Amino acid sequence: MSSSAQIPACGVVIIGGGIMGCSIAFELARRGYVPLVLDKGPGPGAGSTSASSAIIRFNYSTPDSVKLAWESAHMWSRWAEVLGVTDDLGMARFVRTGLLVLDSPATPLRKVQQLFDDVGVPYEALSTADLHERYPSLDLGRYYPPKPVADDAFWEDNHGELIAYLNPDAGFVDDPALAAHNLMVAATAAGATFLFHTEVVGINRFDARVTGVRLSTGELVACPIVVNAAGPHSSKVNAMAGLAADRRITTRALRQEVDVLPAPQGFTIDDGGVMVTDSDLGTYFRPHLGGTIITGGVEPECDTLEWIDDADQFNDMPTAEVWEAQTTRVARRLPDIGVPVRPTGIAALYDVSSDWVPIYDRSDLDGLYLAIGTSGNQFKNAPMVGPIMADIITACEAGRDHDADPVSVMCPITGNVINLGHFSRTRPLHNTTNSVLG
């Protein structure tokens, strides 16, 4: 729906029509709220969502993050059933490939395996001999720490060989933008409205309570509840509301690139190619459509991160420098891969929190809620973000002090309990990988 339509009455304004905003709208509409989603882009998932690698994995640094990802994976595997609608454009598809996680001091295997044991996530520990037998095209050398590819030390001989574990139930979603569209269709059927090409430029408030939003057209949208799901623009929306920018947990936009390469034998979708997380060299890659793989970085310390002050102004084309770094690292792990001369891929923005754990919470302004710091490692959790935000909103609007008495959520499929205080804006910094791996 475009902004030329009359703005309807609503009970909740959601700023952002990416996968998160669409999920929140769907769940709130199911619970009887009347959501209005506003996004200045052309359609659902047109921003960071469409650029997501859409990997569905469970290897996080903290128990509640693992629980959230494990429950969400079950929802992706029964996507049409969860939404209860048929999208004329088709339904996004979960492709189960498995995820191979290579050992590294940055992501020690036993720490994550203990979390898997506690949560109930299946995995298989693989020895070096197992890896040689199953994945003969992988170079199993240990090269840690990751180094710039221009550094002579990058080409030094390995110092031993790797072990790994395999999550057989991991995979990826074949079309992340379509997944957002699926959620929009389901939310609309439940009573939500979406307005695109519609920019929010201000948050209205009276004393300590939000009262609505202002649009670039000058129109006012009165509403007692507003949700910031604006992705890389989240810090800008918080500033509109007058929220402090000096908290322990804040969000920033980070430019990242994803590159596309021809898949070597054994790593295409058709021949059972597995996804690989390789913190030893500082990269990841997964099978993609059309006989290719896609690859990106995991923020190794040797790389300079490109933080963006204005999320509307950044280079959205791949660069030769990042292309060379990422493809050379993959080629070291996959010696048989062919690397094209010209960069092929995309550049987009992550919305990154101070510890790479998202904020799912209320804010310091009553009626304003936060689903931010999500892009990069939270696409996989979108099916559950709607329910957890709806639980927080419902509890807070009923008078619960979520800061002092955090809401917990029972996962209906896996039976795990998630303490949503884990995602609080006031939390201490979590001990994480400080990377997209979370």
Protein backbone atom coordinates (compact mmCIF):
# COMPACT_ATOMS: atom_id res chain seq x y z
CA MET A 1 0.00 0.00 0.00
CA SER A 2 1.44 3.41 -0.89
CA SER A 3 1.38 6.67 1.03
CA SER A 4 -1.16 8.13 -1.40
CA ALA A 5 -3.86 6.25 0.51
CA GLN A 6 -5.62 7.91 3.43
CA ILE A 7 -3.81 7.21 6.68
CA PRO A 8 -6.02 4.88 8.72
CA ALA A 9 -6.66 4.97 12.44
CA CYS A 10 -4.32 2.65 14.29
CA GLY A 11 -3.39 1.35 17.69
CA VAL A 12 0.31 0.82 16.99
CA VAL A 13 2.70 2.52 14.59
CA ILE A 14 5.65 0.36 13.52
CA ILE A 15 8.52 2.29 11.96
CA GLY A 16 10.21 -0.04 9.48
CA GLY A 17 8.82 -2.53 6.99
CA GLY A 18 11.70 -4.98 6.97
CA ILE A 19 11.43 -8.57 8.17
CA MET A 20 11.26 -7.42 11.81
CA GLY A 21 8.57 -4.79 11.33
CA CYS A 22 6.50 -7.22 9.28
CA SER A 23 6.80 -9.94 11.93
CA ILE A 24 5.80 -7.57 14.71
CA ALA A 25 2.83 -6.32 12.69
CA PHE A 26 1.67 -9.88 12.04
CA GLU A 27 1.75 -10.92 15.69
CA LEU A 28 0.20 -7.70 17.02
CA ALA A 29 -2.61 -7.93 14.46
CA ARG A 30 -3.26 -11.53 15.48
CA ARG A 31 -3.66 -10.36 19.07
CA GLY A 32 -6.23 -7.70 18.23
CA TYR A 33 -4.04 -4.61 17.93
CA VAL A 34 -4.43 -2.43 14.83
CA PRO A 35 -0.87 -1.97 13.48
CA LEU A 36 0.19 0.59 10.89
CA VAL A 37 3.61 -0.04 9.36
CA LEU A 38 5.40 3.00 7.89
CA ASP A 39 8.49 2.70 5.70
CA LYS A 40 10.09 5.17 3.31
CA GLY A 41 11.24 2.34 1.05
CA PRO A 42 9.30 0.90 -1.90
CA GLY A 43 8.10 -2.32 -0.29
CA PRO A 44 8.54 -4.92 2.46
CA GLY A 45 12.09 -6.04 3.09
CA ALA A 46 13.55 -3.67 0.50
CA GLY A 47 16.41 -2.52 2.75
CA SER A 48 18.78 -4.61 4.85
CA THR A 49 16.42 -7.59 4.75
CA SER A 50 16.82 -8.06 1.01
CA ALA A 51 20.61 -8.07 1.40
CA SER A 52 20.63 -10.67 4.17
CA SER A 53 22.50 -13.94 3.72
CA ALA A 54 19.40 -15.39 5.45
CA ILE A 55 21.39 -18.10 7.25
CA ILE A 56 19.43 -20.11 9.80
CA ARG A 57 21.91 -21.20 12.48
CA PHE A 58 22.08 -21.63 16.25
CA ASN A 59 25.69 -20.89 17.25
CA TYR A 60 25.45 -17.88 19.53
CA SER A 61 27.41 -16.93 22.65
CA THR A 62 24.53 -16.86 25.13
CA PRO A 63 21.79 -19.34 26.15
CA ASP A 64 18.78 -17.12 25.41
CA SER A 65 20.09 -16.28 21.95
CA VAL A 66 20.52 -20.00 21.18
CA LYS A 67 16.99 -20.70 22.43
CA LEU A 68 15.57 -17.93 20.26
CA ALA A 69 17.33 -19.20 17.13
CA TRP A 70 16.38 -22.84 17.78
CA GLU A 71 12.68 -22.03 18.19
CA SER A 72 12.70 -19.75 15.14
CA ALA A 73 14.26 -22.49 13.00
CA HIS A 74 11.29 -24.75 13.70
CA MET A 75 8.98 -21.97 12.54
CA TRP A 76 10.94 -21.47 9.30
CA SER A 77 10.67 -25.18 8.57
CA ARG A 78 6.85 -24.91 8.65
CA TRP A 79 6.60 -21.39 7.27
CA ALA A 80 3.27 -21.61 5.42
CA GLU A 81 1.64 -23.27 8.44
CA VAL A 82 2.93 -20.56 10.80
CA LEU A 83 1.57 -17.76 8.62
CA GLY A 84 -1.68 -19.44 7.64
CA VAL A 85 -1.86 -17.62 4.29
CA THR A 86 -0.87 -18.12 0.68
CA ASP A 87 1.12 -15.34 -0.93
CA ASP A 88 0.45 -14.87 -4.65
CA LEU A 89 4.18 -14.19 -5.10
CA GLY A 90 4.99 -17.58 -3.60
CA MET A 91 6.31 -18.63 -0.21
CA ALA A 92 9.89 -18.30 0.97
CA ARG A 93 11.55 -21.69 1.33
CA PHE A 94 13.84 -23.00 4.05
CA VAL A 95 16.74 -24.93 2.47
CA ARG A 96 18.31 -27.38 4.93
CA THR A 97 22.04 -27.72 4.27
CA GLY A 98 23.65 -28.15 7.66
CA LEU A 99 26.29 -25.81 9.08
CA LEU A 100 29.92 -26.76 9.58
CA VAL A 101 31.60 -24.63 12.26
CA LEU A 102 35.40 -24.76 12.21
CA ASP A 103 37.30 -24.48 15.47
CA SER A 104 38.91 -21.16 16.38
CA PRO A 105 39.97 -19.35 19.58
CA ALA A 106 37.43 -16.68 18.55
CA THR A 107 34.60 -19.23 18.67
CA PRO A 108 35.75 -22.14 20.87
CA LEU A 109 33.67 -25.18 20.01
CA ARG A 110 33.12 -26.59 23.46
CA LYS A 111 31.56 -23.38 24.80
CA VAL A 112 28.87 -23.42 22.13
CA GLN A 113 28.43 -27.18 22.32
CA GLN A 114 27.64 -26.85 26.02
CA LEU A 115 24.92 -24.35 25.14
CA PHE A 116 23.57 -26.78 22.53
CA ASP A 117 23.49 -29.53 25.18
CA ASP A 118 21.54 -27.28 27.56
CA VAL A 119 19.06 -26.07 24.92
CA GLY A 120 18.62 -29.34 23.03
CA VAL A 121 20.22 -28.42 19.70
CA PRO A 122 21.60 -31.47 17.83
CA TYR A 123 25.21 -31.37 16.64
CA GLU A 124 27.92 -33.79 15.64
CA ALA A 125 31.52 -33.30 16.74
CA LEU A 126 33.92 -34.00 13.86
CA SER A 127 37.58 -34.90 14.15
CA THR A 128 40.22 -33.89 11.64
CA ALA A 129 39.99 -37.38 10.13
CA ASP A 130 36.19 -37.03 9.84
CA LEU A 131 36.59 -33.73 8.02
CA HIS A 132 39.14 -35.13 5.57
CA GLU A 133 36.78 -37.97 4.74
CA ARG A 134 33.58 -35.92 4.38
CA TYR A 135 34.93 -32.67 2.95
CA PRO A 136 38.04 -33.57 0.96
CA SER A 137 38.07 -30.26 -0.92
CA LEU A 138 38.55 -28.24 2.31
CA ASP A 139 42.02 -27.11 3.34
CA LEU A 140 41.90 -27.95 7.07
CA GLY A 141 44.96 -25.93 8.07
CA ARG A 142 44.90 -23.78 11.20
CA TYR A 143 45.90 -20.23 10.27
CA TYR A 144 44.52 -18.25 13.22
CA PRO A 145 44.54 -15.35 13.82
CA PRO A 146 43.02 -13.95 10.61
CA LYS A 147 45.38 -11.60 8.78
CA PRO A 148 45.06 -9.03 5.99
CA VAL A 149 45.52 -10.80 2.68
CA ALA A 150 48.14 -8.21 1.71
CA ASP A 151 50.25 -9.28 4.70
CA ASP A 152 52.95 -11.84 3.89
CA ALA A 153 51.98 -13.62 7.10
CA PHE A 154 48.64 -14.56 5.51
CA TRP A 155 50.50 -17.05 3.32
CA GLU A 156 52.50 -18.72 6.08
CA ASP A 157 52.16 -22.48 6.49
CA ASN A 158 49.47 -23.81 8.76
CA HIS A 159 50.17 -24.71 12.39
CA GLY A 160 48.11 -27.85 12.75
CA GLU A 161 44.72 -28.93 11.45
CA LEU A 162 41.15 -28.10 12.41
CA ILE A 163 38.32 -29.93 14.10
CA ALA A 164 34.70 -28.83 13.79
CA TYR A 165 31.08 -29.57 14.61
CA LEU A 166 28.10 -29.95 12.29
CA ASN A 167 24.60 -28.65 12.96
CA PRO A 168 22.53 -30.83 10.61
CA ASP A 169 19.34 -28.77 11.02
CA ALA A 170 20.82 -25.44 9.89
CA GLY A 171 20.21 -23.94 6.46
CA PHE A 172 19.07 -20.76 4.79
CA VAL A 173 15.96 -19.03 3.47
CA ASP A 174 16.06 -18.81 -0.30
CA ASP A 175 14.51 -15.33 -0.65
CA PRO A 176 14.62 -13.03 2.41
CA ALA A 177 12.64 -10.23 0.75
CA LEU A 178 9.92 -12.71 -0.19
CA ALA A 179 9.82 -13.87 3.43
CA ALA A 180 9.10 -10.27 4.47
CA HIS A 181 6.40 -10.07 1.79
CA ASN A 182 4.86 -13.30 3.12
CA LEU A 183 4.69 -11.73 6.58
CA MET A 184 3.14 -8.56 5.17
CA VAL A 185 0.42 -10.60 3.43
CA ALA A 186 -0.28 -12.48 6.67
CA ALA A 187 -0.30 -9.28 8.73
CA THR A 188 -2.62 -7.55 6.26
CA ALA A 189 -5.01 -10.48 6.39
CA ALA A 190 -5.05 -10.15 10.18
CA GLY A 191 -5.84 -6.41 10.06
CA ALA A 192 -2.53 -4.54 9.68
CA THR A 193 -1.95 -1.73 7.19
CA PHE A 194 1.31 -0.95 5.38
CA LEU A 195 2.29 2.43 3.91
CA PHE A 196 5.48 2.59 1.85
CA HIS A 197 7.20 5.68 0.42
CA THR A 198 6.24 7.17 3.78
CA GLU A 199 8.96 8.75 5.89
CA VAL A 200 8.74 9.37 9.63
CA VAL A 201 10.60 12.55 10.61
CA GLY A 202 9.50 13.03 14.21
CA ILE A 203 8.14 11.34 17.33
CA ASN A 204 5.38 13.17 19.14
CA ARG A 205 5.31 12.97 22.92
CA PHE A 206 3.51 14.51 25.86
CA ASP A 207 5.48 14.48 29.11
CA ALA A 208 6.86 10.93 29.37
CA ARG A 209 4.48 9.28 26.88
CA VAL A 210 4.61 8.88 23.11
CA THR A 211 1.55 10.27 21.32
CA GLY A 212 2.31 9.50 17.67
CA VAL A 213 4.63 10.30 14.78
CA ARG A 214 5.13 13.08 12.23
CA LEU A 215 5.60 12.36 8.54
CA SER A 216 7.70 14.19 5.97
CA THR A 217 4.44 15.35 4.36
CA GLY A 218 3.58 17.26 7.54
CA GLU A 219 0.85 14.81 8.50
CA LEU A 220 0.50 13.69 12.11
CA VAL A 221 -0.35 10.11 13.00
CA ALA A 222 -1.79 9.94 16.50
CA CYS A 223 -1.01 6.69 18.25
CA PRO A 224 -0.31 5.61 21.86
CA ILE A 225 2.22 2.91 20.92
CA VAL A 226 5.18 3.19 18.54
CA VAL A 227 7.72 0.47 17.71
CA ASN A 228 11.18 1.36 16.41
CA ALA A 229 12.05 -1.42 13.95
CA ALA A 230 13.95 0.88 11.62
CA GLY A 231 17.07 -1.22 11.14
CA PRO A 232 20.13 0.90 10.30
CA HIS A 233 18.01 4.02 10.89
CA SER A 234 17.17 2.94 14.46
CA SER A 235 19.53 5.37 16.20
CA LYS A 236 18.05 8.22 14.16
CA VAL A 237 14.53 7.27 15.28
CA ASN A 238 15.69 7.10 18.90
CA ALA A 239 17.13 10.60 18.52
CA MET A 240 13.77 11.83 17.20
CA ALA A 241 12.23 10.61 20.45
CA GLY A 242 14.84 12.40 22.53
CA LEU A 243 16.30 9.16 23.89
CA ALA A 244 19.78 9.39 25.37
CA ALA A 245 22.60 8.39 23.05
CA ASP A 246 25.08 7.71 25.86
CA ARG A 247 23.63 4.48 27.19
CA ARG A 248 25.79 1.39 27.58
CA ILE A 249 23.89 -0.31 24.74
CA THR A 250 23.46 1.75 21.57
CA THR A 251 23.17 0.97 17.88
CA ARG A 252 25.21 2.03 14.84
CA ALA A 253 25.05 1.39 11.12
CA LEU A 254 27.86 -0.74 9.70
CA ARG A 255 28.54 -1.18 6.00
CA GLN A 256 29.13 -4.79 4.98
CA GLU A 257 29.64 -6.64 1.71
CA VAL A 258 28.51 -10.07 0.56
CA ASP A 259 30.24 -11.57 -2.47
CA VAL A 260 29.13 -14.25 -4.94
CA LEU A 261 31.47 -16.91 -6.32
CA PRO A 262 31.06 -20.01 -8.48
CA ALA A 263 30.66 -23.01 -6.17
CA PRO A 264 33.37 -25.69 -6.31
CA GLN A 265 32.42 -29.33 -6.58
CA GLY A 266 30.80 -30.58 -3.39
CA PHE A 267 29.51 -27.17 -2.31
CA THR A 268 26.52 -26.56 -4.59
CA ILE A 269 22.96 -26.99 -3.38
CA ASP A 270 22.45 -29.89 -5.78
CA ASP A 271 25.40 -31.91 -4.47
CA GLY A 272 24.58 -31.34 -0.81
CA GLY A 273 26.86 -28.38 -0.16
CA VAL A 274 27.15 -27.39 3.49
CA MET A 275 27.40 -23.89 4.97
CA VAL A 276 30.70 -23.08 6.71
CA THR A 277 31.58 -20.68 9.52
CA ASP A 278 35.34 -20.11 9.45
CA SER A 279 36.53 -17.79 12.23
CA ASP A 280 40.01 -19.26 11.77
CA LEU A 281 40.33 -17.25 8.54
CA GLY A 282 37.61 -14.68 9.35
CA THR A 283 34.90 -15.60 6.86
CA TYR A 284 31.76 -17.62 6.21
CA PHE A 285 30.21 -19.05 3.06
CA ARG A 286 27.10 -20.93 2.06
CA PRO A 287 25.64 -22.55 -1.05
CA HIS A 288 23.46 -20.26 -3.12
CA LEU A 289 21.17 -20.59 -6.08
CA GLY A 290 22.54 -21.07 -9.60
CA GLY A 291 25.61 -23.10 -8.70
CA THR A 292 27.21 -20.35 -6.62
CA ILE A 293 28.24 -19.66 -3.05
CA ILE A 294 27.93 -16.40 -1.16
CA THR A 295 30.56 -15.26 1.30
CA GLY A 296 30.99 -12.53 3.87
CA GLY A 297 33.19 -11.58 6.79
CA VAL A 298 32.89 -12.20 10.53
CA GLU A 299 34.62 -8.97 11.58
CA PRO A 300 38.12 -10.33 12.36
CA GLU A 301 40.25 -7.89 14.37
CA CYS A 302 42.60 -7.36 11.43
CA ASP A 303 39.86 -5.76 9.32
CA THR A 304 38.84 -2.11 9.55
CA LEU A 305 35.10 -1.74 10.08
CA GLU A 306 33.27 0.94 8.09
CA TRP A 307 30.79 2.64 10.43
CA ILE A 308 28.21 4.86 8.71
CA ASP A 309 26.89 8.07 10.27
CA ASP A 310 24.08 8.59 7.74
CA ALA A 311 22.28 5.40 6.75
CA ASP A 312 20.93 7.14 3.64
CA GLN A 313 24.43 7.87 2.33
CA PHE A 314 26.74 4.92 1.69
CA ASN A 315 28.35 3.06 -1.20
CA ASP A 316 26.04 0.16 -2.06
CA MET A 317 28.43 -1.41 -4.57
CA PRO A 318 31.08 -4.03 -3.75
CA THR A 319 34.64 -2.74 -3.57
CA ALA A 320 37.81 -4.33 -4.93
CA GLU A 321 39.48 -4.21 -1.51
CA VAL A 322 36.79 -6.14 0.36
CA TRP A 323 36.25 -8.48 -2.59
CA GLU A 324 39.94 -9.40 -2.59
CA ALA A 325 40.01 -9.97 1.18
CA GLN A 326 36.89 -12.12 1.36
CA THR A 327 37.42 -14.17 -1.77
CA THR A 328 41.10 -14.80 -1.00
CA ARG A 329 40.19 -16.13 2.44
CA VAL A 330 37.58 -18.44 0.94
CA ALA A 331 40.05 -19.59 -1.72
CA ARG A 332 42.53 -20.50 1.01
CA ARG A 333 39.91 -22.78 2.58
CA LEU A 334 38.58 -24.01 -0.78
CA PRO A 335 41.66 -24.28 -3.03
CA ASP A 336 39.63 -25.59 -5.98
CA ILE A 337 37.36 -22.55 -6.18
CA GLY A 338 37.57 -20.24 -9.17
CA VAL A 339 37.61 -16.54 -8.30
CA PRO A 340 36.31 -14.17 -11.01
CA VAL A 341 38.35 -11.07 -11.74
CA ARG A 342 35.52 -8.60 -11.22
CA PRO A 343 33.67 -8.18 -7.92
CA THR A 344 30.16 -9.63 -7.89
CA GLY A 345 27.93 -9.05 -4.90
CA ILE A 346 26.15 -6.42 -2.85
CA ALA A 347 26.84 -3.95 -0.08
CA ALA A 348 24.30 -3.06 2.59
CA LEU A 349 24.06 -1.94 6.20
CA TYR A 350 23.92 -3.84 9.47
CA ASP A 351 22.25 -2.30 12.51
CA VAL A 352 24.75 -3.24 15.21
CA SER A 353 24.38 -2.98 18.98
CA SER A 354 27.30 -2.41 21.33
CA ASP A 355 27.69 -6.16 22.01
CA TRP A 356 26.09 -7.53 18.81
CA VAL A 357 23.04 -8.73 20.79
CA PRO A 358 19.79 -7.05 19.68
CA ILE A 359 17.59 -4.85 21.83
CA TYR A 360 14.03 -6.19 22.19
CA ASP A 361 12.60 -3.97 24.89
CA ARG A 362 10.58 -0.96 25.95
CA SER A 363 12.36 2.41 25.89
CA ASP A 364 12.74 5.20 28.42
CA LEU A 365 9.73 6.86 26.77
CA ASP A 366 6.46 5.17 27.72
CA GLY A 367 4.74 3.66 24.71
CA LEU A 368 7.90 3.54 22.55
CA TYR A 369 9.31 0.05 22.05
CA LEU A 370 12.57 -1.11 20.50
CA ALA A 371 13.36 -3.97 18.11
CA ILE A 372 16.78 -2.73 17.04
CA GLY A 373 20.38 -3.81 16.62
CA THR A 374 19.02 -6.70 14.59
CA SER A 375 20.43 -6.75 11.08
CA GLY A 376 23.39 -9.00 10.39
CA ASN A 377 22.56 -11.81 12.80
CA GLN A 378 18.82 -11.67 13.55
CA PHE A 379 17.04 -12.40 10.26
CA LYS A 380 16.88 -16.02 11.40
CA ASN A 381 14.94 -15.00 14.51
CA ALA A 382 12.25 -12.99 12.71
CA PRO A 383 9.49 -15.57 13.25
CA MET A 384 9.85 -15.20 17.03
CA VAL A 385 10.53 -11.45 17.15
CA GLY A 386 6.85 -10.70 16.58
CA PRO A 387 5.70 -12.86 19.52
CA ILE A 388 8.36 -11.62 21.95
CA MET A 389 7.72 -7.95 21.10
CA ALA A 390 3.97 -8.50 21.42
CA ASP A 391 4.51 -10.06 24.85
CA ILE A 392 6.66 -7.13 26.00
CA ILE A 393 4.21 -4.54 24.67
CA THR A 394 1.17 -6.26 26.17
CA ALA A 395 2.84 -6.66 29.57
CA CYS A 396 4.15 -3.09 29.74
CA GLU A 397 0.88 -1.55 28.59
CA ALA A 398 -0.84 -3.51 31.36
CA GLY A 399 1.49 -1.90 33.90
CA ARG A 400 4.27 -4.45 34.32
CA ASP A 401 7.72 -3.06 35.10
CA HIS A 402 9.67 -5.02 32.50
CA ASP A 403 12.94 -3.44 33.67
CA ALA A 404 12.58 -4.78 37.22
CA ASP A 405 10.55 -7.90 36.38
CA PRO A 406 11.48 -9.01 32.86
CA VAL A 407 8.96 -10.90 30.77
CA SER A 408 9.76 -14.52 29.95
CA VAL A 409 8.49 -16.40 26.91
CA MET A 410 7.74 -20.12 26.68
CA CYS A 411 8.74 -21.44 23.26
CA PRO A 412 5.71 -23.44 22.10
CA ILE A 413 7.64 -25.85 19.86
CA THR A 414 10.90 -26.55 21.70
CA GLY A 415 9.61 -25.92 25.24
CA ASN A 416 12.51 -23.65 26.18
CA VAL A 417 11.96 -20.52 28.26
CA ILE A 418 13.57 -17.27 27.09
CA ASN A 419 14.23 -14.49 29.61
CA LEU A 420 13.63 -11.33 27.58
CA GLY A 421 15.68 -9.34 30.07
CA HIS A 422 18.62 -10.77 28.12
CA PHE A 423 17.76 -8.31 25.32
CA SER A 424 17.23 -5.30 27.62
CA ARG A 425 18.50 -1.85 26.67
CA THR A 426 19.88 -1.52 30.23
CA ARG A 427 21.78 -4.82 30.34
CA PRO A 428 25.49 -5.11 31.04
CA LEU A 429 27.48 -5.85 27.90
CA HIS A 430 27.21 -9.55 27.09
CA ASN A 431 30.35 -11.60 26.60
CA THR A 432 29.99 -12.39 22.89
CA THR A 433 32.20 -12.84 19.83
CA ASN A 434 31.80 -9.08 19.14
CA SER A 435 30.98 -10.02 15.59
CA VAL A 436 28.03 -10.94 13.39
CA LEU A 437 28.15 -14.38 15.01
CA GLY A 438 26.72 -12.82 18.17
